[in-house]
Amino acid sequence: MSVELAARLIDVLGGLLLFSMLLILAAGQVFRAIYAVAAQAVFLGVAGAVLAAATGSVDLWIIAAITIGAKAILLPWLLIRVVRRVHISREIEPVFSTPAALAIAAGIVVLAFHLNASLGPVRQAITGDALPVGVTLTLVGVLVMASRRKALVQMVGLFASENGIFFTAMAVSQGMPLIIEIGIILDVVLGALVMGILVLRVRSSVDSDIADLDSLKG
């Protein structure tokens, strides 16, 4: 694959990543946000495959497969399992209105691309617009965490923010093993955090049920 084709494909995938980020921000239900971040992980994995085809890096092929397996399948499955297991409300409770959040996100997009344009020759050809897209994903992910009340939705925002860092690391450097390893480790930690929330909620439910038995004493 040529460098020019890879850059164009990265730009297209960057646009899809931004669109999925807006879907997460505008989602009215927890499941929609989870499905959107899963789709985002698929785009991220495809971006890794594109870069692998362009650079001939075997490591990037492996990272693309791990990304799709862990981020697009395993972690969304864990989130959905938690939602169904603890029977929490599936409606997202925003701190402020969705239009206001989208307006802030639009401002972040404009600012990121403006700063990227000021870099001039520093930008690499193969990355396309990967840098501003990655910065936008990271900052809008933080916005999702700040603008939602539910812990699970905030976790989705954290996944999306980490996806932005991961995308930038892959595209700008064409593969940095250390950063990629950190990203994978972070995914494992986040998965463990999801399971921790599940265990704590189940334990609190059991404790509550046992406490309610005291009312049966005559």
Protein backbone atom coordinates (compact mmCIF):
# COMPACT_ATOMS: atom_id res chain seq x y z
CA MET A 1 0.00 0.00 0.00
CA SER A 2 1.35 3.44 -0.92
CA VAL A 3 1.90 6.20 1.59
CA GLU A 4 -0.60 8.48 -0.18
CA LEU A 5 -3.36 5.85 -0.08
CA ALA A 6 -2.62 5.12 3.56
CA ALA A 7 -2.87 8.81 4.43
CA ARG A 8 -6.24 9.09 2.67
CA LEU A 9 -7.57 5.99 4.42
CA ILE A 10 -6.36 7.29 7.78
CA ASP A 11 -8.22 10.54 7.12
CA VAL A 12 -11.43 8.60 6.33
CA LEU A 13 -11.06 6.46 9.43
CA GLY A 14 -10.33 9.59 11.45
CA GLY A 15 -13.63 11.04 10.26
CA LEU A 16 -15.44 7.85 11.28
CA LEU A 17 -13.76 7.98 14.68
CA LEU A 18 -14.94 11.55 15.17
CA PHE A 19 -18.47 10.60 14.11
CA SER A 20 -18.54 7.71 16.58
CA MET A 21 -17.30 10.10 19.27
CA LEU A 22 -20.23 12.43 18.58
CA LEU A 23 -22.58 9.45 18.80
CA ILE A 24 -21.19 8.67 22.25
CA LEU A 25 -21.63 12.28 23.32
CA ALA A 26 -25.19 12.48 22.00
CA ALA A 27 -26.30 9.01 23.13
CA GLY A 28 -29.43 8.98 25.27
CA GLN A 29 -29.02 5.39 26.47
CA VAL A 30 -26.10 3.49 27.98
CA PHE A 31 -26.24 0.70 25.39
CA ARG A 32 -25.97 3.18 22.50
CA ALA A 33 -22.85 4.70 24.01
CA ILE A 34 -21.32 1.24 24.47
CA TYR A 35 -22.09 0.22 20.88
CA ALA A 36 -20.62 3.49 19.61
CA VAL A 37 -17.36 2.98 21.50
CA ALA A 38 -17.23 -0.61 20.17
CA ALA A 39 -17.58 0.72 16.61
CA GLN A 40 -14.85 3.23 17.40
CA ALA A 41 -12.56 0.37 18.42
CA VAL A 42 -13.25 -1.38 15.09
CA PHE A 43 -12.22 1.77 13.20
CA LEU A 44 -9.11 1.97 15.37
CA GLY A 45 -8.20 -1.63 14.56
CA VAL A 46 -8.70 -1.02 10.84
CA ALA A 47 -6.44 2.04 11.09
CA GLY A 48 -3.77 -0.17 12.63
CA ALA A 49 -4.16 -2.63 9.74
CA VAL A 50 -3.85 0.18 7.19
CA LEU A 51 -0.64 1.40 8.80
CA ALA A 52 0.66 -2.17 8.96
CA ALA A 53 0.03 -2.62 5.23
CA ALA A 54 1.76 0.69 4.48
CA THR A 55 4.81 0.16 6.70
CA GLY A 56 5.14 -3.63 6.61
CA SER A 57 5.18 -3.74 10.41
CA VAL A 58 4.17 -7.12 11.82
CA ASP A 59 3.73 -5.53 15.25
CA LEU A 60 0.98 -3.28 13.89
CA TRP A 61 -0.88 -6.29 12.45
CA ILE A 62 -0.80 -7.89 15.90
CA ILE A 63 -1.89 -4.65 17.57
CA ALA A 64 -4.79 -4.29 15.11
CA ALA A 65 -6.02 -7.79 15.95
CA ILE A 66 -5.65 -7.23 19.69
CA THR A 67 -7.44 -3.89 19.44
CA ILE A 68 -10.48 -5.37 17.73
CA GLY A 69 -10.53 -8.39 20.05
CA ALA A 70 -10.08 -6.50 23.31
CA LYS A 71 -11.66 -3.12 22.66
CA ALA A 72 -14.39 -3.94 20.16
CA ILE A 73 -15.51 -7.27 21.61
CA LEU A 74 -14.30 -8.04 25.14
CA LEU A 75 -14.60 -4.71 26.92
CA PRO A 76 -18.00 -3.73 25.43
CA TRP A 77 -19.25 -7.20 26.38
CA LEU A 78 -18.10 -6.60 29.96
CA LEU A 79 -19.85 -3.22 30.07
CA ILE A 80 -23.10 -4.65 28.72
CA ARG A 81 -22.89 -7.51 31.22
CA VAL A 82 -22.50 -5.05 34.07
CA VAL A 83 -25.51 -3.02 32.92
CA ARG A 84 -27.70 -6.11 32.69
CA ARG A 85 -26.38 -7.73 35.86
CA VAL A 86 -26.90 -4.82 38.25
CA HIS A 87 -30.19 -3.67 36.63
CA ILE A 88 -29.25 0.00 36.56
CA SER A 89 -31.26 2.57 34.63
CA ARG A 90 -30.32 2.50 30.95
CA GLU A 91 -31.06 6.19 30.45
CA ILE A 92 -28.06 8.53 30.46
CA GLU A 93 -28.26 11.36 32.98
CA PRO A 94 -26.33 14.38 31.61
CA VAL A 95 -24.85 17.06 33.84
CA PHE A 96 -25.72 19.64 31.18
CA SER A 97 -27.70 19.46 27.95
CA THR A 98 -26.57 17.46 24.94
CA PRO A 99 -26.67 20.50 22.56
CA ALA A 100 -24.31 22.34 24.90
CA ALA A 101 -21.96 19.33 24.99
CA LEU A 102 -22.01 19.08 21.20
CA ALA A 103 -21.25 22.80 20.88
CA ILE A 104 -18.23 22.37 23.16
CA ALA A 105 -17.14 19.34 21.11
CA ALA A 106 -17.39 21.38 17.89
CA GLY A 107 -15.17 24.03 19.46
CA ILE A 108 -12.63 21.34 20.40
CA VAL A 109 -12.59 20.05 16.81
CA VAL A 110 -11.99 23.53 15.37
CA LEU A 111 -9.25 24.28 17.92
CA ALA A 112 -7.46 20.95 17.34
CA PHE A 113 -7.39 21.35 13.55
CA HIS A 114 -6.30 24.99 13.85
CA LEU A 115 -3.39 24.02 16.08
CA ASN A 116 -2.47 21.18 13.72
CA ALA A 117 -2.39 23.59 10.75
CA SER A 118 0.11 25.76 12.63
CA LEU A 119 2.60 22.86 12.85
CA GLY A 120 3.40 23.14 9.13
CA PRO A 121 6.22 20.84 8.00
CA VAL A 122 6.36 19.08 11.37
CA ARG A 123 3.41 16.91 10.32
CA GLN A 124 4.21 13.54 8.74
CA ALA A 125 2.72 12.60 5.38
CA ILE A 126 1.49 9.15 6.29
CA THR A 127 -0.51 10.33 9.33
CA GLY A 128 -2.87 12.58 7.40
CA ASP A 129 -4.99 14.37 10.00
CA ALA A 130 -4.36 11.75 12.68
CA LEU A 131 -2.90 14.23 15.16
CA PRO A 132 -5.88 16.63 15.41
CA VAL A 133 -8.30 13.69 15.32
CA GLY A 134 -6.45 12.00 18.18
CA VAL A 135 -6.36 15.19 20.23
CA THR A 136 -10.07 15.74 19.59
CA LEU A 137 -10.98 12.19 20.62
CA THR A 138 -8.96 12.52 23.81
CA LEU A 139 -10.48 15.86 24.83
CA VAL A 140 -14.06 14.96 23.87
CA GLY A 141 -13.67 11.72 25.83
CA VAL A 142 -12.82 13.84 28.85
CA LEU A 143 -15.89 15.95 28.06
CA VAL A 144 -18.05 12.79 28.10
CA MET A 145 -16.68 11.92 31.53
CA ALA A 146 -17.39 15.43 32.80
CA SER A 147 -20.86 15.74 31.32
CA ARG A 148 -22.39 12.42 32.43
CA ARG A 149 -23.46 11.31 35.88
CA LYS A 150 -23.39 7.52 35.49
CA ALA A 151 -20.08 5.82 36.26
CA LEU A 152 -20.46 3.39 33.35
CA VAL A 153 -20.94 6.19 30.83
CA GLN A 154 -17.95 8.00 32.32
CA MET A 155 -16.00 4.78 31.78
CA VAL A 156 -17.10 4.79 28.13
CA GLY A 157 -15.71 8.31 27.90
CA LEU A 158 -12.45 7.05 29.39
CA PHE A 159 -12.29 4.28 26.76
CA ALA A 160 -12.91 6.83 24.00
CA SER A 161 -10.26 9.18 25.38
CA GLU A 162 -7.73 6.35 25.50
CA ASN A 163 -8.67 5.45 21.92
CA GLY A 164 -7.64 8.95 20.90
CA ILE A 165 -4.23 8.54 22.53
CA PHE A 166 -3.87 5.09 20.96
CA PHE A 167 -4.79 6.36 17.48
CA THR A 168 -2.31 9.23 17.70
CA ALA A 169 0.47 6.94 18.93
CA MET A 170 -0.06 4.49 16.06
CA ALA A 171 -0.47 7.01 13.26
CA VAL A 172 2.09 9.67 14.17
CA SER A 173 4.89 7.26 15.06
CA GLN A 174 3.81 4.38 12.78
CA GLY A 175 4.04 2.10 15.77
CA MET A 176 5.67 2.74 19.14
CA PRO A 177 5.89 -0.55 21.03
CA LEU A 178 6.21 1.06 24.46
CA ILE A 179 3.19 3.32 24.04
CA ILE A 180 1.19 0.47 22.52
CA GLU A 181 2.06 -1.78 25.43
CA ILE A 182 0.96 0.92 27.84
CA GLY A 183 -2.32 1.21 25.94
CA ILE A 184 -2.95 -2.52 26.14
CA ILE A 185 -2.10 -2.59 29.84
CA LEU A 186 -4.49 0.31 30.39
CA ASP A 187 -7.24 -1.67 28.67
CA VAL A 188 -6.62 -4.59 31.00
CA VAL A 189 -6.78 -2.26 34.00
CA LEU A 190 -10.04 -0.76 32.77
CA GLY A 191 -11.46 -4.23 32.24
CA ALA A 192 -10.47 -5.13 35.79
CA LEU A 193 -12.15 -1.93 36.97
CA VAL A 194 -15.37 -2.95 35.25
CA MET A 195 -15.28 -6.32 36.97
CA GLY A 196 -14.53 -4.61 40.27
CA ILE A 197 -17.64 -2.47 39.90
CA LEU A 198 -19.66 -5.61 39.16
CA VAL A 199 -18.34 -7.40 42.25
CA LEU A 200 -18.96 -4.39 44.49
CA ARG A 201 -22.50 -3.92 43.25
CA VAL A 202 -23.34 -7.59 43.69
CA ARG A 203 -21.83 -7.57 47.17
CA SER A 204 -23.77 -4.45 48.14
CA SER A 205 -26.97 -6.07 46.86
CA VAL A 206 -26.35 -9.19 48.92
CA ASP A 207 -25.56 -7.16 52.01
CA SER A 208 -28.72 -5.19 51.53
CA ASP A 209 -30.83 -8.32 51.19
CA ILE A 210 -29.31 -9.85 54.32
CA ALA A 211 -29.93 -6.65 56.26
CA ASP A 212 -33.57 -6.70 55.20
CA LEU A 213 -33.97 -10.09 56.91
CA ASP A 214 -33.67 -8.34 60.28
CA SER A 215 -37.15 -6.94 59.75
CA LEU A 216 -38.55 -10.49 59.90
CA LYS A 217 -37.74 -10.83 63.62
CA GLY A 218 -40.87 -11.03 65.73
